[in-house]
Amino acid sequence: MIPTLELINILLPFLYLLTFSAYAFDFYNEKRFLANSKRIFLFTTLIVHIFYLLIRTIEFDHTPITNKFEIFSILAFSISFSYFVLELLTDVRGTGSFIILFSLMFQIVSSLFIEHNYVVPEVLRNRLLGIHVISALLGYSGITISAVYGLLFLLLYKNLRANKFGLIFNRLPSLEILEKLSFYSLMIGFVLLTAAIVIGIVWLPSAFPDFSYGDPKLIGTAFVWIIYGAGIISKIAANWYGRKVIFFSLAGFVFAVVSLILTSTFANTFHSFY
């Protein structure tokens, strides 16, 4: 399977590049024939990527989460998959290039530097751990997409305030739709992050002898979850809308990124197992 694996590893960045190019070309030129075909490009790329991840799992007998470049590939998939689900739910197709660009960058780095490693700690072969990590990555992907839509909201808002009615005004959805897309993405991310936390609470104590609920990464994730949960409740109960929702989404994203960087770089955590 190794030759097939290597071939798909080389192919994936080109598929993401093709998909990104289709969405970007349609954004700038709005060609009717690309309205449906670009979604087919994305769907095909996701299917090939799923096949690739399954082959790696079977070939190396572990979920592909054992090094940062495997995780980069899962991040590339997670971001595009989350966007694909969102596009199906909303049928808003004009923002894909801004999202898929992240998948393209992650997959390029992954394909260039990924390692083929048979020897990993036994705990990394556990499928529940794989589900836990992938759920968390999908959750953070949803949060990332929410932040991207938040930035697009602010960009369009700034253009409207300045009476600039150019390409951004003509191609992007309305402020109301961008706000909804940001909130829906946040909801998807929150649900998946919740699933990751529940799996972690139930399973991780038995998997790691040195497990502690005071682990810095767990505390950071819990704070991210609480912040976004409070934002969702405020949106629904206090009827938040417009820039309030967007600023909250962006503030939560900044906190999540800073938390991940600090806990991964400086903190002593049992999560550092590869």
Foldseek 3Di string as FASTA:
>chain_A
DVVVLLVLLVVLLVLLVVLLCLLVCCLQPVDPVSLPVSLVSLVVSLVSLVVSQVCLCVVLLFRQPQDVLSVLQLLLNLLSVLVSVLCVVPVQRNCVNLRSVSSSVSSVVSSVDPDNDNDAPPLRNDVLVNLLVSLLSSLLSLLVQLLSLLVLLVVVVVCVVVVNCDSSNVRDDDSQVSLVSSLVSNVSSLVSLVVSLVSCVPPVCVSDVPDDCPFLLNVLSVVLNVLSVVLVCCCVVVVDDGNVSSVSSNVSSVSSVVSVCCSVPPGDGPVPRD
